[in-house]
Amino acid sequence: MLINELVHIIPGEVAGEITGEGEISGGYTSDLLSDVMAHAQSGQALITIQAHKNTVAVASLVGLPAIIVCNGRELPDDMVQSAREEGIAIFRTGLDQYEVSGRLWEAFHK
């Protein structure tokens, strides 16, 4: 699935701009960044409430092309800037992690 297709599956907003037409291969839901480093797989979108610059650093380390921040959390400017520099798309949604995970799972299993 192309990253820019997420906006049709998950209501919310894109922070900054989506760079290129990268793909995601699935999703990984966690709020514990050490868990993300240990278990997420390259190509997945991270579904989380962790809205800070360290989330971007972990996504970059693991090779995650997109971060979906849930529960309408505010996105700090340094997080958005860091994601732009790393080429990682950030989405912000009012939905919780359960709902986002379900929608993404359904989109991949149609």
C-alpha atoms as a PDB file:
ATOM      1  CA  MET A   1       0.000   0.000   0.000  1.00  0.00           C
ATOM      2  CA  LEU A   2       1.288   3.457  -0.821  1.00  0.00           C
ATOM      3  CA  ILE A   3       1.778   5.775   2.140  1.00  0.00           C
ATOM      4  CA  ASN A   4      -0.468   8.416   0.623  1.00  0.00           C
ATOM      5  CA  GLU A   5      -3.359   5.908   0.625  1.00  0.00           C
ATOM      6  CA  LEU A   6      -3.457   6.052   4.436  1.00  0.00           C
ATOM      7  CA  VAL A   7      -5.436   9.299   4.260  1.00  0.00           C
ATOM      8  CA  HIS A   8      -8.322   7.341   2.675  1.00  0.00           C
ATOM      9  CA  ILE A   9      -8.310   4.723   5.454  1.00  0.00           C
ATOM     10  CA  ILE A  10      -7.623   6.769   8.562  1.00  0.00           C
ATOM     11  CA  PRO A  11      -9.330  10.126   9.134  1.00  0.00           C
ATOM     12  CA  GLY A  12      -6.973  12.825  10.268  1.00  0.00           C
ATOM     13  CA  GLU A  13      -4.292  15.066   8.943  1.00  0.00           C
ATOM     14  CA  VAL A  14      -0.846  14.774   7.453  1.00  0.00           C
ATOM     15  CA  ALA A  15       1.832  16.683   9.351  1.00  0.00           C
ATOM     16  CA  GLY A  16       4.118  18.353   6.869  1.00  0.00           C
ATOM     17  CA  GLU A  17       4.170  16.631   3.536  1.00  0.00           C
ATOM     18  CA  ILE A  18       4.470  13.080   2.325  1.00  0.00           C
ATOM     19  CA  THR A  19       7.761  12.710   0.515  1.00  0.00           C
ATOM     20  CA  GLY A  20       7.616  10.474  -2.511  1.00  0.00           C
ATOM     21  CA  GLU A  21       5.269   7.554  -2.919  1.00  0.00           C
ATOM     22  CA  GLY A  22       6.801   5.151  -0.439  1.00  0.00           C
ATOM     23  CA  GLU A  23       5.058   1.955   0.500  1.00  0.00           C
ATOM     24  CA  ILE A  24       4.068   0.381   3.773  1.00  0.00           C
ATOM     25  CA  SER A  25       3.846  -3.351   4.264  1.00  0.00           C
ATOM     26  CA  GLY A  26       1.670  -3.382   7.378  1.00  0.00           C
ATOM     27  CA  GLY A  27       1.503  -1.832  10.809  1.00  0.00           C
ATOM     28  CA  TYR A  28       2.988  -2.181  14.261  1.00  0.00           C
ATOM     29  CA  THR A  29       1.153  -0.833  17.303  1.00  0.00           C
ATOM     30  CA  SER A  30       3.112   0.071  20.420  1.00  0.00           C
ATOM     31  CA  ASP A  31       3.745   2.960  22.789  1.00  0.00           C
ATOM     32  CA  LEU A  32       6.971   1.492  24.133  1.00  0.00           C
ATOM     33  CA  LEU A  33       9.795   2.547  21.844  1.00  0.00           C
ATOM     34  CA  SER A  34      12.127  -0.247  22.994  1.00  0.00           C
ATOM     35  CA  ASP A  35       9.392  -2.687  21.945  1.00  0.00           C
ATOM     36  CA  VAL A  36       9.218  -1.026  18.536  1.00  0.00           C
ATOM     37  CA  MET A  37      12.983  -1.379  18.133  1.00  0.00           C
ATOM     38  CA  ALA A  38      12.830  -5.052  19.090  1.00  0.00           C
ATOM     39  CA  HIS A  39       9.765  -6.167  17.133  1.00  0.00           C
ATOM     40  CA  ALA A  40       8.649  -3.777  14.384  1.00  0.00           C
ATOM     41  CA  GLN A  41       9.741  -4.687  10.879  1.00  0.00           C
ATOM     42  CA  SER A  42      11.079  -2.405   8.217  1.00  0.00           C
ATOM     43  CA  GLY A  43       8.318  -1.090   5.983  1.00  0.00           C
ATOM     44  CA  GLN A  44       5.584  -1.068   8.627  1.00  0.00           C
ATOM     45  CA  ALA A  45       3.695   2.016   9.807  1.00  0.00           C
ATOM     46  CA  LEU A  46       4.035   2.731  13.528  1.00  0.00           C
ATOM     47  CA  ILE A  47       0.724   3.267  15.332  1.00  0.00           C
ATOM     48  CA  THR A  48       1.307   5.054  18.652  1.00  0.00           C
ATOM     49  CA  ILE A  49       0.488   7.908  21.017  1.00  0.00           C
ATOM     50  CA  GLN A  50       4.163   8.808  21.432  1.00  0.00           C
ATOM     51  CA  ALA A  51       4.353  12.272  19.893  1.00  0.00           C
ATOM     52  CA  HIS A  52       7.971  13.358  20.245  1.00  0.00           C
ATOM     53  CA  LYS A  53      11.233  13.456  18.357  1.00  0.00           C
ATOM     54  CA  ASN A  54      12.474  10.132  19.786  1.00  0.00           C
ATOM     55  CA  THR A  55       9.614   8.364  18.006  1.00  0.00           C
ATOM     56  CA  VAL A  56      11.014   9.584  14.705  1.00  0.00           C
ATOM     57  CA  ALA A  57      14.520   8.435  15.661  1.00  0.00           C
ATOM     58  CA  VAL A  58      13.234   4.931  16.412  1.00  0.00           C
ATOM     59  CA  ALA A  59      11.186   4.834  13.200  1.00  0.00           C
ATOM     60  CA  SER A  60      14.261   5.827  11.226  1.00  0.00           C
ATOM     61  CA  LEU A  61      16.421   3.226  12.991  1.00  0.00           C
ATOM     62  CA  VAL A  62      13.951   0.422  12.250  1.00  0.00           C
ATOM     63  CA  GLY A  63      13.073   1.591   8.724  1.00  0.00           C
ATOM     64  CA  LEU A  64       9.459   2.578   9.345  1.00  0.00           C
ATOM     65  CA  PRO A  65       8.267   4.952   6.610  1.00  0.00           C
ATOM     66  CA  ALA A  66       5.218   6.301   8.484  1.00  0.00           C
ATOM     67  CA  ILE A  67       4.086   7.164  11.997  1.00  0.00           C
ATOM     68  CA  ILE A  68       0.402   7.405  12.881  1.00  0.00           C
ATOM     69  CA  VAL A  69      -0.087   9.396  16.089  1.00  0.00           C
ATOM     70  CA  CYS A  70      -3.427   8.602  17.731  1.00  0.00           C
ATOM     71  CA  ASN A  71      -5.847  10.215  20.192  1.00  0.00           C
ATOM     72  CA  GLY A  72      -5.434  13.638  18.596  1.00  0.00           C
ATOM     73  CA  ARG A  73      -2.086  14.217  20.295  1.00  0.00           C
ATOM     74  CA  GLU A  74      -0.374  17.461  19.385  1.00  0.00           C
ATOM     75  CA  LEU A  75       2.719  17.075  17.225  1.00  0.00           C
ATOM     76  CA  PRO A  76       5.694  19.156  18.357  1.00  0.00           C
ATOM     77  CA  ASP A  77       7.445  21.155  15.661  1.00  0.00           C
ATOM     78  CA  ASP A  78      10.771  19.390  16.295  1.00  0.00           C
ATOM     79  CA  MET A  79       9.095  16.017  15.697  1.00  0.00           C
ATOM     80  CA  VAL A  80       7.604  17.178  12.399  1.00  0.00           C
ATOM     81  CA  GLN A  81      10.923  18.698  11.321  1.00  0.00           C
ATOM     82  CA  SER A  82      12.853  15.566  12.241  1.00  0.00           C
ATOM     83  CA  ALA A  83      10.401  13.397  10.289  1.00  0.00           C
ATOM     84  CA  ARG A  84      10.741  15.658   7.269  1.00  0.00           C
ATOM     85  CA  GLU A  85      14.533  15.347   7.432  1.00  0.00           C
ATOM     86  CA  GLU A  86      14.317  11.545   7.755  1.00  0.00           C
ATOM     87  CA  GLY A  87      11.698  11.181   4.992  1.00  0.00           C
ATOM     88  CA  ILE A  88       9.115   9.712   7.381  1.00  0.00           C
ATOM     89  CA  ALA A  89       5.442  10.571   6.935  1.00  0.00           C
ATOM     90  CA  ILE A  90       3.497  11.559  10.055  1.00  0.00           C
ATOM     91  CA  PHE A  91      -0.277  11.305  10.359  1.00  0.00           C
ATOM     92  CA  ARG A  92      -2.339  12.631  13.254  1.00  0.00           C
ATOM     93  CA  THR A  93      -5.759  11.177  13.974  1.00  0.00           C
ATOM     94  CA  GLY A  94      -8.379  11.454  16.678  1.00  0.00           C
ATOM     95  CA  LEU A  95      -8.900   7.689  16.571  1.00  0.00           C
ATOM     96  CA  ASP A  96      -7.311   5.446  19.195  1.00  0.00           C
ATOM     97  CA  GLN A  97      -4.698   2.785  18.468  1.00  0.00           C
ATOM     98  CA  TYR A  98      -7.242  -0.030  18.457  1.00  0.00           C
ATOM     99  CA  GLU A  99      -9.378   1.608  15.767  1.00  0.00           C
ATOM    100  CA  VAL A 100      -6.390   2.569  13.607  1.00  0.00           C
ATOM    101  CA  SER A 101      -4.900  -0.913  13.897  1.00  0.00           C
ATOM    102  CA  GLY A 102      -8.205  -2.470  12.873  1.00  0.00           C
ATOM    103  CA  ARG A 103      -8.628  -0.210   9.876  1.00  0.00           C
ATOM    104  CA  LEU A 104      -5.102  -0.834   8.693  1.00  0.00           C
ATOM    105  CA  TRP A 105      -5.434  -4.598   9.202  1.00  0.00           C
ATOM    106  CA  GLU A 106      -8.675  -4.598   7.227  1.00  0.00           C
ATOM    107  CA  ALA A 107      -7.105  -2.620   4.374  1.00  0.00           C
ATOM    108  CA  PHE A 108      -4.307  -5.173   4.059  1.00  0.00           C
ATOM    109  CA  HIS A 109      -6.641  -8.181   4.207  1.00  0.00           C
ATOM    110  CA  LYS A 110      -9.315  -7.248   1.676  1.00  0.00           C
END
